[in-house]
Amino acid sequence: MSKGPSMKDLADMINGVMGHQVLTEQQMAQIMGGAKEALDRGGMAAVIDYLMRVTQADVNKNDLMKFAESVASNPQIGKDILSGRRKPR
């Protein structure tokens, strides 16, 4: 079973997508820890609420939930979007 990307890899990927540094490895670890707690406490909806709060994202929650569900069912979609091979819908 694959371990997945490191916190540094995730932070670097997000910084690359944003075009400048928005996250450090430590911030990414803190966000992921909070997301794990939210997941344990209230499932994916709680994770979405948490991420919207900490990132101050101005997005439609229903759209974000649909996106999260599509990535959960096919993780390659998320990888393709982050690598620039696919546009989010």
N, C-alpha and C. Protein backbone atom coordinates (compact mmCIF):
# COMPACT_ATOMS: atom_id res chain seq x y z
N MET A 1 0.84 -1.18 0.00
CA MET A 1 0.00 0.00 0.00
C MET A 1 0.88 1.24 0.00
N SER A 2 0.56 2.20 -0.82
CA SER A 2 1.34 3.42 -0.97
C SER A 2 1.13 4.34 0.23
N LYS A 3 2.20 4.97 0.66
CA LYS A 3 2.13 5.89 1.79
C LYS A 3 1.55 7.23 1.36
N GLY A 4 1.73 7.62 0.11
CA GLY A 4 1.22 8.89 -0.38
C GLY A 4 2.25 9.99 -0.24
N PRO A 5 1.88 11.19 -0.67
CA PRO A 5 2.83 12.31 -0.64
C PRO A 5 3.10 12.79 0.78
N SER A 6 4.29 13.34 0.98
CA SER A 6 4.65 13.90 2.28
C SER A 6 3.98 15.26 2.44
N MET A 7 4.02 15.81 3.65
CA MET A 7 3.48 17.14 3.90
C MET A 7 4.21 18.17 3.04
N LYS A 8 5.51 17.99 2.88
CA LYS A 8 6.29 18.90 2.04
C LYS A 8 5.82 18.82 0.59
N ASP A 9 5.60 17.58 0.11
CA ASP A 9 5.11 17.40 -1.26
C ASP A 9 3.76 18.09 -1.45
N LEU A 10 2.86 17.92 -0.49
CA LEU A 10 1.54 18.54 -0.58
C LEU A 10 1.64 20.06 -0.58
N ALA A 11 2.44 20.60 0.35
CA ALA A 11 2.61 22.05 0.41
C ALA A 11 3.23 22.58 -0.87
N ASP A 12 4.24 21.89 -1.38
CA ASP A 12 4.88 22.31 -2.63
C ASP A 12 3.89 22.27 -3.80
N MET A 13 3.04 21.24 -3.83
CA MET A 13 2.06 21.11 -4.90
C MET A 13 1.06 22.28 -4.85
N ILE A 14 0.56 22.58 -3.67
CA ILE A 14 -0.40 23.69 -3.52
C ILE A 14 0.27 25.01 -3.86
N ASN A 15 1.49 25.21 -3.38
CA ASN A 15 2.22 26.44 -3.70
C ASN A 15 2.44 26.57 -5.20
N GLY A 16 2.72 25.45 -5.86
CA GLY A 16 2.91 25.46 -7.31
C GLY A 16 1.63 25.84 -8.05
N VAL A 17 0.51 25.28 -7.59
CA VAL A 17 -0.78 25.59 -8.21
C VAL A 17 -1.12 27.07 -8.00
N MET A 18 -0.81 27.60 -6.82
CA MET A 18 -1.12 29.00 -6.51
C MET A 18 -0.15 29.97 -7.17
N GLY A 19 1.03 29.50 -7.53
CA GLY A 19 2.00 30.37 -8.19
C GLY A 19 2.92 31.12 -7.23
N HIS A 20 2.73 30.94 -5.95
CA HIS A 20 3.61 31.52 -4.93
C HIS A 20 3.37 30.77 -3.62
N GLN A 21 4.25 31.00 -2.65
CA GLN A 21 4.14 30.26 -1.40
C GLN A 21 2.96 30.74 -0.57
N VAL A 22 2.04 29.84 -0.32
CA VAL A 22 0.90 30.13 0.54
C VAL A 22 0.90 29.23 1.78
N LEU A 23 1.67 28.14 1.73
CA LEU A 23 1.71 27.18 2.83
C LEU A 23 3.13 26.69 3.09
N THR A 24 3.44 26.51 4.36
CA THR A 24 4.68 25.82 4.73
C THR A 24 4.33 24.36 5.03
N GLU A 25 5.34 23.55 5.14
CA GLU A 25 5.15 22.14 5.50
C GLU A 25 4.46 22.03 6.86
N GLN A 26 4.84 22.89 7.80
CA GLN A 26 4.25 22.86 9.14
C GLN A 26 2.77 23.26 9.10
N GLN A 27 2.44 24.27 8.31
CA GLN A 27 1.04 24.67 8.19
C GLN A 27 0.21 23.55 7.56
N MET A 28 0.79 22.89 6.56
CA MET A 28 0.09 21.79 5.91
C MET A 28 -0.17 20.67 6.91
N ALA A 29 0.81 20.36 7.73
CA ALA A 29 0.64 19.30 8.75
C ALA A 29 -0.45 19.69 9.74
N GLN A 30 -0.50 20.95 10.14
CA GLN A 30 -1.53 21.40 11.07
C GLN A 30 -2.91 21.31 10.43
N ILE A 31 -3.02 21.72 9.18
CA ILE A 31 -4.30 21.65 8.47
C ILE A 31 -4.75 20.20 8.32
N MET A 32 -3.83 19.32 7.95
CA MET A 32 -4.19 17.91 7.77
C MET A 32 -4.60 17.28 9.10
N GLY A 33 -3.94 17.67 10.18
CA GLY A 33 -4.32 17.16 11.50
C GLY A 33 -5.73 17.59 11.87
N GLY A 34 -6.04 18.86 11.62
CA GLY A 34 -7.39 19.36 11.88
C GLY A 34 -8.42 18.70 10.99
N ALA A 35 -8.06 18.44 9.74
CA ALA A 35 -8.98 17.77 8.82
C ALA A 35 -9.26 16.34 9.29
N LYS A 36 -8.24 15.66 9.79
CA LYS A 36 -8.42 14.30 10.31
C LYS A 36 -9.36 14.30 11.51
N GLU A 37 -9.17 15.27 12.41
CA GLU A 37 -10.06 15.38 13.57
C GLU A 37 -11.49 15.66 13.12
N ALA A 38 -11.65 16.55 12.14
CA ALA A 38 -12.99 16.86 11.64
C ALA A 38 -13.63 15.63 11.01
N LEU A 39 -12.84 14.86 10.25
CA LEU A 39 -13.36 13.63 9.63
C LEU A 39 -13.83 12.65 10.69
N ASP A 40 -13.02 12.46 11.72
CA ASP A 40 -13.38 11.53 12.79
C ASP A 40 -14.63 12.00 13.53
N ARG A 41 -14.78 13.31 13.65
CA ARG A 41 -15.89 13.89 14.40
C ARG A 41 -17.19 13.94 13.59
N GLY A 42 -17.10 14.26 12.29
CA GLY A 42 -18.34 14.49 11.57
C GLY A 42 -18.35 14.11 10.10
N GLY A 43 -17.38 13.32 9.66
CA GLY A 43 -17.36 12.87 8.27
C GLY A 43 -16.90 13.96 7.30
N MET A 44 -17.12 13.70 6.02
CA MET A 44 -16.62 14.58 4.97
C MET A 44 -17.22 15.98 5.06
N ALA A 45 -18.48 16.10 5.45
CA ALA A 45 -19.09 17.42 5.57
C ALA A 45 -18.35 18.27 6.60
N ALA A 46 -17.92 17.66 7.69
CA ALA A 46 -17.17 18.39 8.72
C ALA A 46 -15.78 18.78 8.20
N VAL A 47 -15.17 17.93 7.38
CA VAL A 47 -13.87 18.26 6.77
C VAL A 47 -14.02 19.47 5.86
N ILE A 48 -15.06 19.47 5.04
CA ILE A 48 -15.30 20.59 4.12
C ILE A 48 -15.51 21.88 4.92
N ASP A 49 -16.33 21.82 5.97
CA ASP A 49 -16.55 23.01 6.81
C ASP A 49 -15.24 23.49 7.41
N TYR A 50 -14.44 22.57 7.91
CA TYR A 50 -13.15 22.92 8.51
C TYR A 50 -12.23 23.58 7.48
N LEU A 51 -12.09 22.96 6.31
CA LEU A 51 -11.19 23.51 5.29
C LEU A 51 -11.67 24.86 4.78
N MET A 52 -12.98 25.03 4.65
CA MET A 52 -13.49 26.33 4.22
C MET A 52 -13.19 27.40 5.27
N ARG A 53 -13.27 27.02 6.54
CA ARG A 53 -12.99 27.98 7.62
C ARG A 53 -11.51 28.35 7.67
N VAL A 54 -10.62 27.35 7.63
CA VAL A 54 -9.19 27.66 7.79
C VAL A 54 -8.58 28.29 6.54
N THR A 55 -9.15 28.00 5.38
CA THR A 55 -8.60 28.59 4.16
C THR A 55 -9.34 29.85 3.74
N GLN A 56 -10.46 30.12 4.40
CA GLN A 56 -11.33 31.25 4.06
C GLN A 56 -11.71 31.20 2.57
N ALA A 57 -11.96 29.98 2.10
CA ALA A 57 -12.31 29.76 0.70
C ALA A 57 -13.69 30.32 0.39
N ASP A 58 -13.78 31.05 -0.68
CA ASP A 58 -15.05 31.61 -1.14
C ASP A 58 -15.59 30.72 -2.26
N VAL A 59 -16.11 29.55 -1.85
CA VAL A 59 -16.63 28.59 -2.82
C VAL A 59 -17.99 28.09 -2.34
N ASN A 60 -18.74 27.52 -3.26
CA ASN A 60 -20.03 26.95 -2.96
C ASN A 60 -19.82 25.60 -2.28
N LYS A 61 -20.37 25.44 -1.08
CA LYS A 61 -20.15 24.21 -0.32
C LYS A 61 -20.68 22.98 -1.07
N ASN A 62 -21.82 23.10 -1.72
CA ASN A 62 -22.37 21.95 -2.46
C ASN A 62 -21.44 21.54 -3.60
N ASP A 63 -20.89 22.53 -4.33
CA ASP A 63 -19.94 22.22 -5.40
C ASP A 63 -18.70 21.53 -4.84
N LEU A 64 -18.23 22.02 -3.71
CA LEU A 64 -17.05 21.43 -3.09
C LEU A 64 -17.32 20.01 -2.61
N MET A 65 -18.52 19.76 -2.09
CA MET A 65 -18.88 18.41 -1.67
C MET A 65 -18.93 17.46 -2.87
N LYS A 66 -19.50 17.91 -3.98
CA LYS A 66 -19.55 17.08 -5.19
C LYS A 66 -18.14 16.76 -5.67
N PHE A 67 -17.26 17.79 -5.64
CA PHE A 67 -15.87 17.58 -6.04
C PHE A 67 -15.20 16.56 -5.13
N ALA A 68 -15.38 16.73 -3.81
CA ALA A 68 -14.76 15.81 -2.85
C ALA A 68 -15.26 14.38 -3.06
N GLU A 69 -16.54 14.23 -3.34
CA GLU A 69 -17.09 12.89 -3.58
C GLU A 69 -16.52 12.27 -4.85
N SER A 70 -16.32 13.09 -5.89
CA SER A 70 -15.77 12.55 -7.14
C SER A 70 -14.31 12.14 -6.95
N VAL A 71 -13.56 12.93 -6.19
CA VAL A 71 -12.16 12.58 -5.92
C VAL A 71 -12.08 11.35 -5.02
N ALA A 72 -12.98 11.26 -4.05
CA ALA A 72 -12.98 10.09 -3.16
C ALA A 72 -13.27 8.81 -3.94
N SER A 73 -14.15 8.90 -4.94
CA SER A 73 -14.47 7.71 -5.72
C SER A 73 -13.42 7.41 -6.78
N ASN A 74 -12.67 8.44 -7.19
CA ASN A 74 -11.61 8.25 -8.19
C ASN A 74 -10.46 9.22 -7.89
N PRO A 75 -9.52 8.83 -7.01
CA PRO A 75 -8.44 9.73 -6.62
C PRO A 75 -7.60 10.25 -7.79
N GLN A 76 -7.60 9.55 -8.90
CA GLN A 76 -6.82 10.00 -10.05
C GLN A 76 -7.33 11.37 -10.55
N ILE A 77 -8.62 11.64 -10.37
CA ILE A 77 -9.17 12.93 -10.78
C ILE A 77 -8.45 14.06 -10.06
N GLY A 78 -8.29 13.94 -8.76
CA GLY A 78 -7.59 14.96 -7.98
C GLY A 78 -6.15 15.11 -8.40
N LYS A 79 -5.48 13.99 -8.65
CA LYS A 79 -4.09 14.03 -9.10
C LYS A 79 -3.98 14.73 -10.45
N ASP A 80 -4.92 14.42 -11.35
CA ASP A 80 -4.90 15.04 -12.68
C ASP A 80 -5.14 16.54 -12.60
N ILE A 81 -6.05 16.97 -11.74
CA ILE A 81 -6.33 18.40 -11.58
C ILE A 81 -5.10 19.11 -11.02
N LEU A 82 -4.49 18.54 -10.00
CA LEU A 82 -3.32 19.17 -9.39
C LEU A 82 -2.12 19.21 -10.33
N SER A 83 -2.03 18.23 -11.21
CA SER A 83 -0.91 18.22 -12.16
C SER A 83 -1.19 19.05 -13.41
N GLY A 84 -2.43 19.57 -13.53
CA GLY A 84 -2.78 20.40 -14.68
C GLY A 84 -3.27 19.63 -15.89
N ARG A 85 -3.43 18.31 -15.76
CA ARG A 85 -3.90 17.50 -16.89
C ARG A 85 -5.41 17.54 -17.07
N ARG A 86 -6.11 18.04 -16.06
CA ARG A 86 -7.58 18.09 -16.11
C ARG A 86 -8.03 19.37 -15.42
N LYS A 87 -9.12 19.94 -15.89
CA LYS A 87 -9.71 21.14 -15.29
C LYS A 87 -10.80 20.71 -14.32
N PRO A 88 -10.90 21.38 -13.16
CA PRO A 88 -12.02 21.05 -12.25
C PRO A 88 -13.34 21.45 -12.90
N ARG A 89 -14.37 20.70 -12.58
CA ARG A 89 -15.70 21.01 -13.15
C ARG A 89 -16.49 21.84 -12.19
